[in-house]
Amino acid sequence: MNKSDLIEAVASELESSKSEAGKMIEAVISAISDGLKSEDKVAISGFGTFTKKHRAARVGMNPATKQPIQIKESTTCSFKPSQHLKDELHEQAAQLVS
């Protein structure tokens, strides 16, 4: 599912226009981004937690030349699903196997 698929799903669920649903999706994404910028995590009950992670500088390898390269430190985001979401995904996978 990409962003436009998500917008269509939200518009259908709320019986609203795609334009209105797009604004809602943008607002949610913006709120999560702002939350991560100002704090270290954003927790959405029943869905999961987005956390800001710091990666230290390290030495990597250029796959083309096999030469060592210096990789700069960076900040990234990770997502940990809630137990509720994990259970739903597990149930769906079990149904597909049956």
PDB file of N, CA and C in Angstrom:
ATOM      1  N   MET A   1       0.859  -1.182   0.000  1.00  0.00           N
ATOM      2  CA  MET A   1       0.000   0.000   0.000  1.00  0.00           C
ATOM      3  C   MET A   1       0.892   1.227   0.000  1.00  0.00           C
ATOM      4  N   ASN A   2       0.651   2.126  -0.935  1.00  0.00           N
ATOM      5  CA  ASN A   2       1.386   3.382  -0.965  1.00  0.00           C
ATOM      6  C   ASN A   2       0.486   4.506  -0.448  1.00  0.00           C
ATOM      7  N   LYS A   3       0.996   5.727  -0.506  1.00  0.00           N
ATOM      8  CA  LYS A   3       0.269   6.859   0.067  1.00  0.00           C
ATOM      9  C   LYS A   3      -1.085   7.076  -0.618  1.00  0.00           C
ATOM     10  N   SER A   4      -1.124   6.984  -1.929  1.00  0.00           N
ATOM     11  CA  SER A   4      -2.400   7.212  -2.620  1.00  0.00           C
ATOM     12  C   SER A   4      -3.399   6.102  -2.294  1.00  0.00           C
ATOM     13  N   ASP A   5      -2.922   4.860  -2.116  1.00  0.00           N
ATOM     14  CA  ASP A   5      -3.811   3.773  -1.692  1.00  0.00           C
ATOM     15  C   ASP A   5      -4.369   4.046  -0.296  1.00  0.00           C
ATOM     16  N   LEU A   6      -3.511   4.559   0.570  1.00  0.00           N
ATOM     17  CA  LEU A   6      -3.936   4.887   1.932  1.00  0.00           C
ATOM     18  C   LEU A   6      -4.987   5.997   1.907  1.00  0.00           C
ATOM     19  N   ILE A   7      -4.781   6.997   1.080  1.00  0.00           N
ATOM     20  CA  ILE A   7      -5.745   8.093   0.962  1.00  0.00           C
ATOM     21  C   ILE A   7      -7.091   7.560   0.475  1.00  0.00           C
ATOM     22  N   GLU A   8      -7.053   6.679  -0.518  1.00  0.00           N
ATOM     23  CA  GLU A   8      -8.300   6.085  -1.024  1.00  0.00           C
ATOM     24  C   GLU A   8      -9.005   5.277   0.060  1.00  0.00           C
ATOM     25  N   ALA A   9      -8.245   4.517   0.842  1.00  0.00           N
ATOM     26  CA  ALA A   9      -8.836   3.705   1.903  1.00  0.00           C
ATOM     27  C   ALA A   9      -9.475   4.582   2.974  1.00  0.00           C
ATOM     28  N   VAL A  10      -8.807   5.660   3.353  1.00  0.00           N
ATOM     29  CA  VAL A  10      -9.347   6.575   4.368  1.00  0.00           C
ATOM     30  C   VAL A  10     -10.588   7.277   3.822  1.00  0.00           C
ATOM     31  N   ALA A  11     -10.539   7.721   2.577  1.00  0.00           N
ATOM     32  CA  ALA A  11     -11.701   8.393   1.971  1.00  0.00           C
ATOM     33  C   ALA A  11     -12.897   7.446   1.944  1.00  0.00           C
ATOM     34  N   SER A  12     -12.653   6.200   1.600  1.00  0.00           N
ATOM     35  CA  SER A  12     -13.735   5.213   1.549  1.00  0.00           C
ATOM     36  C   SER A  12     -14.292   4.933   2.945  1.00  0.00           C
ATOM     37  N   GLU A  13     -13.395   4.764   3.922  1.00  0.00           N
ATOM     38  CA  GLU A  13     -13.811   4.458   5.295  1.00  0.00           C
ATOM     39  C   GLU A  13     -14.642   5.593   5.892  1.00  0.00           C
ATOM     40  N   LEU A  14     -14.236   6.830   5.621  1.00  0.00           N
ATOM     41  CA  LEU A  14     -14.920   7.988   6.200  1.00  0.00           C
ATOM     42  C   LEU A  14     -15.993   8.564   5.281  1.00  0.00           C
ATOM     43  N   GLU A  15     -16.153   7.958   4.110  1.00  0.00           N
ATOM     44  CA  GLU A  15     -17.103   8.447   3.113  1.00  0.00           C
ATOM     45  C   GLU A  15     -16.892   9.931   2.845  1.00  0.00           C
ATOM     46  N   SER A  16     -15.626  10.285   2.580  1.00  0.00           N
ATOM     47  CA  SER A  16     -15.271  11.667   2.278  1.00  0.00           C
ATOM     48  C   SER A  16     -14.519  11.707   0.951  1.00  0.00           C
ATOM     49  N   SER A  17     -14.149  12.903   0.529  1.00  0.00           N
ATOM     50  CA  SER A  17     -13.421  13.045  -0.732  1.00  0.00           C
ATOM     51  C   SER A  17     -11.953  12.656  -0.541  1.00  0.00           C
ATOM     52  N   LYS A  18     -11.313  12.330  -1.653  1.00  0.00           N
ATOM     53  CA  LYS A  18      -9.885  11.991  -1.595  1.00  0.00           C
ATOM     54  C   LYS A  18      -9.069  13.205  -1.150  1.00  0.00           C
ATOM     55  N   SER A  19      -9.518  14.392  -1.570  1.00  0.00           N
ATOM     56  CA  SER A  19      -8.824  15.614  -1.189  1.00  0.00           C
ATOM     57  C   SER A  19      -8.847  15.802   0.323  1.00  0.00           C
ATOM     58  N   GLU A  20      -9.998  15.603   0.928  1.00  0.00           N
ATOM     59  CA  GLU A  20     -10.144  15.739   2.379  1.00  0.00           C
ATOM     60  C   GLU A  20      -9.333  14.661   3.099  1.00  0.00           C
ATOM     61  N   ALA A  21      -9.394  13.434   2.600  1.00  0.00           N
ATOM     62  CA  ALA A  21      -8.636  12.337   3.205  1.00  0.00           C
ATOM     63  C   ALA A  21      -7.139  12.598   3.080  1.00  0.00           C
ATOM     64  N   GLY A  22      -6.712  13.149   1.947  1.00  0.00           N
ATOM     65  CA  GLY A  22      -5.300  13.479   1.754  1.00  0.00           C
ATOM     66  C   GLY A  22      -4.813  14.488   2.772  1.00  0.00           C
ATOM     67  N   LYS A  23      -5.652  15.490   3.054  1.00  0.00           N
ATOM     68  CA  LYS A  23      -5.296  16.494   4.076  1.00  0.00           C
ATOM     69  C   LYS A  23      -5.178  15.847   5.451  1.00  0.00           C
ATOM     70  N   MET A  24      -6.058  14.883   5.736  1.00  0.00           N
ATOM     71  CA  MET A  24      -6.001  14.187   7.026  1.00  0.00           C
ATOM     72  C   MET A  24      -4.710  13.369   7.151  1.00  0.00           C
ATOM     73  N   ILE A  25      -4.375  12.652   6.093  1.00  0.00           N
ATOM     74  CA  ILE A  25      -3.153  11.843   6.102  1.00  0.00           C
ATOM     75  C   ILE A  25      -1.936  12.744   6.274  1.00  0.00           C
ATOM     76  N   GLU A  26      -1.885  13.853   5.535  1.00  0.00           N
ATOM     77  CA  GLU A  26      -0.780  14.803   5.657  1.00  0.00           C
ATOM     78  C   GLU A  26      -0.686  15.348   7.079  1.00  0.00           C
ATOM     79  N   ALA A  27      -1.828  15.615   7.712  1.00  0.00           N
ATOM     80  CA  ALA A  27      -1.839  16.133   9.083  1.00  0.00           C
ATOM     81  C   ALA A  27      -1.273  15.098  10.054  1.00  0.00           C
ATOM     82  N   VAL A  28      -1.637  13.834   9.874  1.00  0.00           N
ATOM     83  CA  VAL A  28      -1.129  12.772  10.753  1.00  0.00           C
ATOM     84  C   VAL A  28       0.381  12.615  10.574  1.00  0.00           C
ATOM     85  N   ILE A  29       0.833  12.584   9.328  1.00  0.00           N
ATOM     86  CA  ILE A  29       2.268  12.443   9.054  1.00  0.00           C
ATOM     87  C   ILE A  29       3.038  13.622   9.636  1.00  0.00           C
ATOM     88  N   SER A  30       2.500  14.816   9.469  1.00  0.00           N
ATOM     89  CA  SER A  30       3.143  16.015  10.007  1.00  0.00           C
ATOM     90  C   SER A  30       3.208  15.977  11.532  1.00  0.00           C
ATOM     91  N   ALA A  31       2.131  15.532  12.168  1.00  0.00           N
ATOM     92  CA  ALA A  31       2.109  15.451  13.634  1.00  0.00           C
ATOM     93  C   ALA A  31       3.124  14.436  14.144  1.00  0.00           C
ATOM     94  N   ILE A  32       3.237  13.294  13.468  1.00  0.00           N
ATOM     95  CA  ILE A  32       4.227  12.285  13.869  1.00  0.00           C
ATOM     96  C   ILE A  32       5.633  12.841  13.682  1.00  0.00           C
ATOM     97  N   SER A  33       5.888  13.492  12.543  1.00  0.00           N
ATOM     98  CA  SER A  33       7.208  14.080  12.283  1.00  0.00           C
ATOM     99  C   SER A  33       7.561  15.131  13.327  1.00  0.00           C
ATOM    100  N   ASP A  34       6.618  16.023  13.622  1.00  0.00           N
ATOM    101  CA  ASP A  34       6.856  17.065  14.625  1.00  0.00           C
ATOM    102  C   ASP A  34       7.095  16.458  16.002  1.00  0.00           C
ATOM    103  N   GLY A  35       6.343  15.405  16.326  1.00  0.00           N
ATOM    104  CA  GLY A  35       6.529  14.734  17.616  1.00  0.00           C
ATOM    105  C   GLY A  35       7.913  14.122  17.743  1.00  0.00           C
ATOM    106  N   LEU A  36       8.396  13.521  16.664  1.00  0.00           N
ATOM    107  CA  LEU A  36       9.734  12.931  16.702  1.00  0.00           C
ATOM    108  C   LEU A  36      10.820  14.001  16.776  1.00  0.00           C
ATOM    109  N   LYS A  37      10.583  15.140  16.144  1.00  0.00           N
ATOM    110  CA  LYS A  37      11.566  16.228  16.185  1.00  0.00           C
ATOM    111  C   LYS A  37      11.679  16.813  17.589  1.00  0.00           C
ATOM    112  N   SER A  38      10.544  16.937  18.284  1.00  0.00           N
ATOM    113  CA  SER A  38      10.560  17.582  19.598  1.00  0.00           C
ATOM    114  C   SER A  38      10.782  16.601  20.747  1.00  0.00           C
ATOM    115  N   GLU A  39      10.470  15.328  20.522  1.00  0.00           N
ATOM    116  CA  GLU A  39      10.645  14.320  21.567  1.00  0.00           C
ATOM    117  C   GLU A  39      11.341  13.113  20.961  1.00  0.00           C
ATOM    118  N   ASP A  40      11.569  12.079  21.761  1.00  0.00           N
ATOM    119  CA  ASP A  40      12.248  10.896  21.263  1.00  0.00           C
ATOM    120  C   ASP A  40      11.303   9.827  20.739  1.00  0.00           C
ATOM    121  N   LYS A  41      10.006   9.939  21.054  1.00  0.00           N
ATOM    122  CA  LYS A  41       9.099   8.908  20.563  1.00  0.00           C
ATOM    123  C   LYS A  41       7.678   9.421  20.434  1.00  0.00           C
ATOM    124  N   VAL A  42       6.912   8.735  19.570  1.00  0.00           N
ATOM    125  CA  VAL A  42       5.489   9.001  19.388  1.00  0.00           C
ATOM    126  C   VAL A  42       4.797   7.652  19.504  1.00  0.00           C
ATOM    127  N   ALA A  43       3.958   7.498  20.520  1.00  0.00           N
ATOM    128  CA  ALA A  43       3.260   6.235  20.758  1.00  0.00           C
ATOM    129  C   ALA A  43       1.794   6.382  20.372  1.00  0.00           C
ATOM    130  N   ILE A  44       1.315   5.455  19.549  1.00  0.00           N
ATOM    131  CA  ILE A  44      -0.084   5.433  19.139  1.00  0.00           C
ATOM    132  C   ILE A  44      -0.670   4.132  19.680  1.00  0.00           C
ATOM    133  N   SER A  45      -1.502   4.248  20.683  1.00  0.00           N
ATOM    134  CA  SER A  45      -2.068   3.086  21.355  1.00  0.00           C
ATOM    135  C   SER A  45      -2.781   2.174  20.364  1.00  0.00           C
ATOM    136  N   GLY A  46      -2.484   0.880  20.434  1.00  0.00           N
ATOM    137  CA  GLY A  46      -3.101  -0.098  19.552  1.00  0.00           C
ATOM    138  C   GLY A  46      -2.437  -0.215  18.194  1.00  0.00           C
ATOM    139  N   PHE A  47      -1.488   0.661  17.894  1.00  0.00           N
ATOM    140  CA  PHE A  47      -0.801   0.636  16.604  1.00  0.00           C
ATOM    141  C   PHE A  47       0.685   0.387  16.774  1.00  0.00           C
ATOM    142  N   GLY A  48       1.365   1.286  17.497  1.00  0.00           N
ATOM    143  CA  GLY A  48       2.788   1.093  17.722  1.00  0.00           C
ATOM    144  C   GLY A  48       3.477   2.374  18.145  1.00  0.00           C
ATOM    145  N   THR A  49       4.812   2.303  18.198  1.00  0.00           N
ATOM    146  CA  THR A  49       5.614   3.423  18.663  1.00  0.00           C
ATOM    147  C   THR A  49       6.706   3.749  17.649  1.00  0.00           C
ATOM    148  N   PHE A  50       6.767   5.021  17.267  1.00  0.00           N
ATOM    149  CA  PHE A  50       7.848   5.524  16.431  1.00  0.00           C
ATOM    150  C   PHE A  50       8.898   6.089  17.373  1.00  0.00           C
ATOM    151  N   THR A  51      10.155   5.716  17.188  1.00  0.00           N
ATOM    152  CA  THR A  51      11.224   6.241  18.041  1.00  0.00           C
ATOM    153  C   THR A  51      12.343   6.811  17.192  1.00  0.00           C
ATOM    154  N   LYS A  52      12.976   7.847  17.733  1.00  0.00           N
ATOM    155  CA  LYS A  52      14.123   8.462  17.089  1.00  0.00           C
ATOM    156  C   LYS A  52      15.366   7.709  17.551  1.00  0.00           C
ATOM    157  N   LYS A  53      16.204   7.313  16.599  1.00  0.00           N
ATOM    158  CA  LYS A  53      17.415   6.562  16.933  1.00  0.00           C
ATOM    159  C   LYS A  53      18.634   7.283  16.385  1.00  0.00           C
ATOM    160  N   HIS A  54      19.699   7.267  17.173  1.00  0.00           N
ATOM    161  CA  HIS A  54      20.968   7.864  16.765  1.00  0.00           C
ATOM    162  C   HIS A  54      21.916   6.757  16.313  1.00  0.00           C
ATOM    163  N   ARG A  55      22.504   6.926  15.149  1.00  0.00           N
ATOM    164  CA  ARG A  55      23.518   5.994  14.664  1.00  0.00           C
ATOM    165  C   ARG A  55      24.869   6.683  14.737  1.00  0.00           C
ATOM    166  N   ALA A  56      25.818   6.051  15.391  1.00  0.00           N
ATOM    167  CA  ALA A  56      27.155   6.613  15.517  1.00  0.00           C
ATOM    168  C   ALA A  56      27.898   6.499  14.191  1.00  0.00           C
ATOM    169  N   ALA A  57      28.916   7.333  14.026  1.00  0.00           N
ATOM    170  CA  ALA A  57      29.768   7.240  12.844  1.00  0.00           C
ATOM    171  C   ALA A  57      30.470   5.887  12.873  1.00  0.00           C
ATOM    172  N   ARG A  58      30.707   5.328  11.685  1.00  0.00           N
ATOM    173  CA  ARG A  58      31.348   4.013  11.630  1.00  0.00           C
ATOM    174  C   ARG A  58      32.045   3.835  10.297  1.00  0.00           C
ATOM    175  N   VAL A  59      32.838   2.796  10.223  1.00  0.00           N
ATOM    176  CA  VAL A  59      33.525   2.457   8.982  1.00  0.00           C
ATOM    177  C   VAL A  59      32.703   1.396   8.267  1.00  0.00           C
ATOM    178  N   GLY A  60      32.405   1.648   6.990  1.00  0.00           N
ATOM    179  CA  GLY A  60      31.672   0.694   6.168  1.00  0.00           C
ATOM    180  C   GLY A  60      32.533   0.263   4.998  1.00  0.00           C
ATOM    181  N   MET A  61      31.915  -0.427   4.038  1.00  0.00           N
ATOM    182  CA  MET A  61      32.657  -0.877   2.875  1.00  0.00           C
ATOM    183  C   MET A  61      31.900  -0.502   1.609  1.00  0.00           C
ATOM    184  N   ASN A  62      32.617   0.057   0.638  1.00  0.00           N
ATOM    185  CA  ASN A  62      32.037   0.345  -0.665  1.00  0.00           C
ATOM    186  C   ASN A  62      31.871  -0.991  -1.376  1.00  0.00           C
ATOM    187  N   PRO A  63      30.641  -1.414  -1.681  1.00  0.00           N
ATOM    188  CA  PRO A  63      30.434  -2.731  -2.277  1.00  0.00           C
ATOM    189  C   PRO A  63      31.059  -2.880  -3.669  1.00  0.00           C
ATOM    190  N   ALA A  64      31.223  -1.775  -4.387  1.00  0.00           N
ATOM    191  CA  ALA A  64      31.790  -1.849  -5.732  1.00  0.00           C
ATOM    192  C   ALA A  64      33.304  -2.016  -5.701  1.00  0.00           C
ATOM    193  N   THR A  65      33.974  -1.273  -4.797  1.00  0.00           N
ATOM    194  CA  THR A  65      35.442  -1.294  -4.773  1.00  0.00           C
ATOM    195  C   THR A  65      36.019  -2.090  -3.612  1.00  0.00           C
ATOM    196  N   LYS A  66      35.166  -2.470  -2.656  1.00  0.00           N
ATOM    197  CA  LYS A  66      35.588  -3.186  -1.444  1.00  0.00           C
ATOM    198  C   LYS A  66      36.525  -2.361  -0.565  1.00  0.00           C
ATOM    199  N   GLN A  67      36.577  -1.054  -0.800  1.00  0.00           N
ATOM    200  CA  GLN A  67      37.412  -0.165  -0.008  1.00  0.00           C
ATOM    201  C   GLN A  67      36.618   0.332   1.201  1.00  0.00           C
ATOM    202  N   PRO A  68      37.306   0.504   2.341  1.00  0.00           N
ATOM    203  CA  PRO A  68      36.607   1.039   3.513  1.00  0.00           C
ATOM    204  C   PRO A  68      36.220   2.507   3.277  1.00  0.00           C
ATOM    205  N   ILE A  69      35.043   2.876   3.780  1.00  0.00           N
ATOM    206  CA  ILE A  69      34.602   4.265   3.710  1.00  0.00           C
ATOM    207  C   ILE A  69      34.093   4.684   5.080  1.00  0.00           C
ATOM    208  N   GLN A  70      34.174   5.965   5.346  1.00  0.00           N
ATOM    209  CA  GLN A  70      33.689   6.503   6.615  1.00  0.00           C
ATOM    210  C   GLN A  70      32.227   6.876   6.443  1.00  0.00           C
ATOM    211  N   ILE A  71      31.351   6.327   7.268  1.00  0.00           N
ATOM    212  CA  ILE A  71      29.925   6.642   7.244  1.00  0.00           C
ATOM    213  C   ILE A  71      29.652   7.624   8.383  1.00  0.00           C
ATOM    214  N   LYS A  72      29.028   8.749   8.046  1.00  0.00           N
ATOM    215  CA  LYS A  72      28.765   9.793   9.037  1.00  0.00           C
ATOM    216  C   LYS A  72      27.708   9.339  10.049  1.00  0.00           C
ATOM    217  N   GLU A  73      27.717   9.981  11.220  1.00  0.00           N
ATOM    218  CA  GLU A  73      26.654   9.721  12.188  1.00  0.00           C
ATOM    219  C   GLU A  73      25.347  10.248  11.621  1.00  0.00           C
ATOM    220  N   SER A  74      24.242   9.650  12.055  1.00  0.00           N
ATOM    221  CA  SER A  74      22.942  10.077  11.551  1.00  0.00           C
ATOM    222  C   SER A  74      21.863   9.797  12.587  1.00  0.00           C
ATOM    223  N   THR A  75      20.723  10.416  12.361  1.00  0.00           N
ATOM    224  CA  THR A  75      19.549  10.161  13.182  1.00  0.00           C
ATOM    225  C   THR A  75      18.483   9.579  12.267  1.00  0.00           C
ATOM    226  N   THR A  76      17.834   8.525  12.714  1.00  0.00           N
ATOM    227  CA  THR A  76      16.819   7.858  11.911  1.00  0.00           C
ATOM    228  C   THR A  76      15.594   7.562  12.764  1.00  0.00           C
ATOM    229  N   CYS A  77      14.622   6.941  12.180  1.00  0.00           N
ATOM    230  CA  CYS A  77      13.386   6.621  12.864  1.00  0.00           C
ATOM    231  C   CYS A  77      13.143   5.119  12.777  1.00  0.00           C
ATOM    232  N   SER A  78      12.620   4.548  13.844  1.00  0.00           N
ATOM    233  CA  SER A  78      12.247   3.134  13.803  1.00  0.00           C
ATOM    234  C   SER A  78      10.804   3.003  14.296  1.00  0.00           C
ATOM    235  N   PHE A  79      10.200   1.872  13.968  1.00  0.00           N
ATOM    236  CA  PHE A  79       8.816   1.623  14.363  1.00  0.00           C
ATOM    237  C   PHE A  79       8.732   0.269  15.035  1.00  0.00           C
ATOM    238  N   LYS A  80       8.071   0.240  16.191  1.00  0.00           N
ATOM    239  CA  LYS A  80       7.830  -1.016  16.893  1.00  0.00           C
ATOM    240  C   LYS A  80       6.321  -1.187  17.002  1.00  0.00           C
ATOM    241  N   PRO A  81       5.781  -2.232  16.359  1.00  0.00           N
ATOM    242  CA  PRO A  81       4.335  -2.425  16.417  1.00  0.00           C
ATOM    243  C   PRO A  81       3.862  -2.789  17.820  1.00  0.00           C
ATOM    244  N   SER A  82       2.614  -2.421  18.122  1.00  0.00           N
ATOM    245  CA  SER A  82       2.026  -2.767  19.413  1.00  0.00           C
ATOM    246  C   SER A  82       1.721  -4.261  19.442  1.00  0.00           C
ATOM    247  N   GLN A  83       1.500  -4.786  20.618  1.00  0.00           N
ATOM    248  CA  GLN A  83       1.164  -6.199  20.750  1.00  0.00           C
ATOM    249  C   GLN A  83      -0.156  -6.496  20.037  1.00  0.00           C
ATOM    250  N   HIS A  84      -1.090  -5.564  20.087  1.00  0.00           N
ATOM    251  CA  HIS A  84      -2.387  -5.724  19.409  1.00  0.00           C
ATOM    252  C   HIS A  84      -2.186  -5.895  17.898  1.00  0.00           C
ATOM    253  N   LEU A  85      -1.353  -5.045  17.292  1.00  0.00           N
ATOM    254  CA  LEU A  85      -1.083  -5.139  15.859  1.00  0.00           C
ATOM    255  C   LEU A  85      -0.357  -6.440  15.523  1.00  0.00           C
ATOM    256  N   LYS A  86       0.601  -6.825  16.357  1.00  0.00           N
ATOM    257  CA  LYS A  86       1.308  -8.090  16.148  1.00  0.00           C
ATOM    258  C   LYS A  86       0.340  -9.265  16.171  1.00  0.00           C
ATOM    259  N   ASP A  87      -0.579  -9.253  17.135  1.00  0.00           N
ATOM    260  CA  ASP A  87      -1.558 -10.339  17.247  1.00  0.00           C
ATOM    261  C   ASP A  87      -2.460 -10.406  16.012  1.00  0.00           C
ATOM    262  N   GLU A  88      -2.912  -9.241  15.517  1.00  0.00           N
ATOM    263  CA  GLU A  88      -3.751  -9.212  14.327  1.00  0.00           C
ATOM    264  C   GLU A  88      -3.014  -9.777  13.110  1.00  0.00           C
ATOM    265  N   LEU A  89      -1.751  -9.395  12.959  1.00  0.00           N
ATOM    266  CA  LEU A  89      -0.962  -9.892  11.831  1.00  0.00           C
ATOM    267  C   LEU A  89      -0.720 -11.393  11.948  1.00  0.00           C
ATOM    268  N   HIS A  90      -0.490 -11.855  13.171  1.00  0.00           N
ATOM    269  CA  HIS A  90      -0.264 -13.283  13.398  1.00  0.00           C
ATOM    270  C   HIS A  90      -1.522 -14.082  13.068  1.00  0.00           C
ATOM    271  N   GLU A  91      -2.682 -13.565  13.490  1.00  0.00           N
ATOM    272  CA  GLU A  91      -3.954 -14.242  13.193  1.00  0.00           C
ATOM    273  C   GLU A  91      -4.196 -14.321  11.687  1.00  0.00           C
ATOM    274  N   GLN A  92      -3.902 -13.235  10.977  1.00  0.00           N
ATOM    275  CA  GLN A  92      -4.099 -13.221   9.535  1.00  0.00           C
ATOM    276  C   GLN A  92      -3.178 -14.234   8.854  1.00  0.00           C
ATOM    277  N   ALA A  93      -1.921 -14.292   9.298  1.00  0.00           N
ATOM    278  CA  ALA A  93      -0.975 -15.242   8.715  1.00  0.00           C
ATOM    279  C   ALA A  93      -1.414 -16.669   8.985  1.00  0.00           C
ATOM    280  N   ALA A  94      -1.951 -16.921  10.169  1.00  0.00           N
ATOM    281  CA  ALA A  94      -2.415 -18.278  10.520  1.00  0.00           C
ATOM    282  C   ALA A  94      -3.599 -18.672   9.637  1.00  0.00           C
ATOM    283  N   GLN A  95      -4.475 -17.718   9.329  1.00  0.00           N
ATOM    284  CA  GLN A  95      -5.624 -18.008   8.460  1.00  0.00           C
ATOM    285  C   GLN A  95      -5.180 -18.305   7.045  1.00  0.00           C
ATOM    286  N   LEU A  96      -4.132 -17.638   6.575  1.00  0.00           N
ATOM    287  CA  LEU A  96      -3.645 -17.881   5.229  1.00  0.00           C
ATOM    288  C   LEU A  96      -3.003 -19.249   5.094  1.00  0.00           C
ATOM    289  N   VAL A  97      -2.384 -19.731   6.165  1.00  0.00           N
ATOM    290  CA  VAL A  97      -1.734 -21.038   6.147  1.00  0.00           C
ATOM    291  C   VAL A  97      -2.772 -22.146   6.198  1.00  0.00           C
ATOM    292  N   SER A  98      -3.878 -21.914   6.906  1.00  0.00           N
ATOM    293  CA  SER A  98      -4.926 -22.954   7.060  1.00  0.00           C
ATOM    294  C   SER A  98      -5.638 -23.258   5.786  1.00  0.00           C
TER     295      SER A  98
END
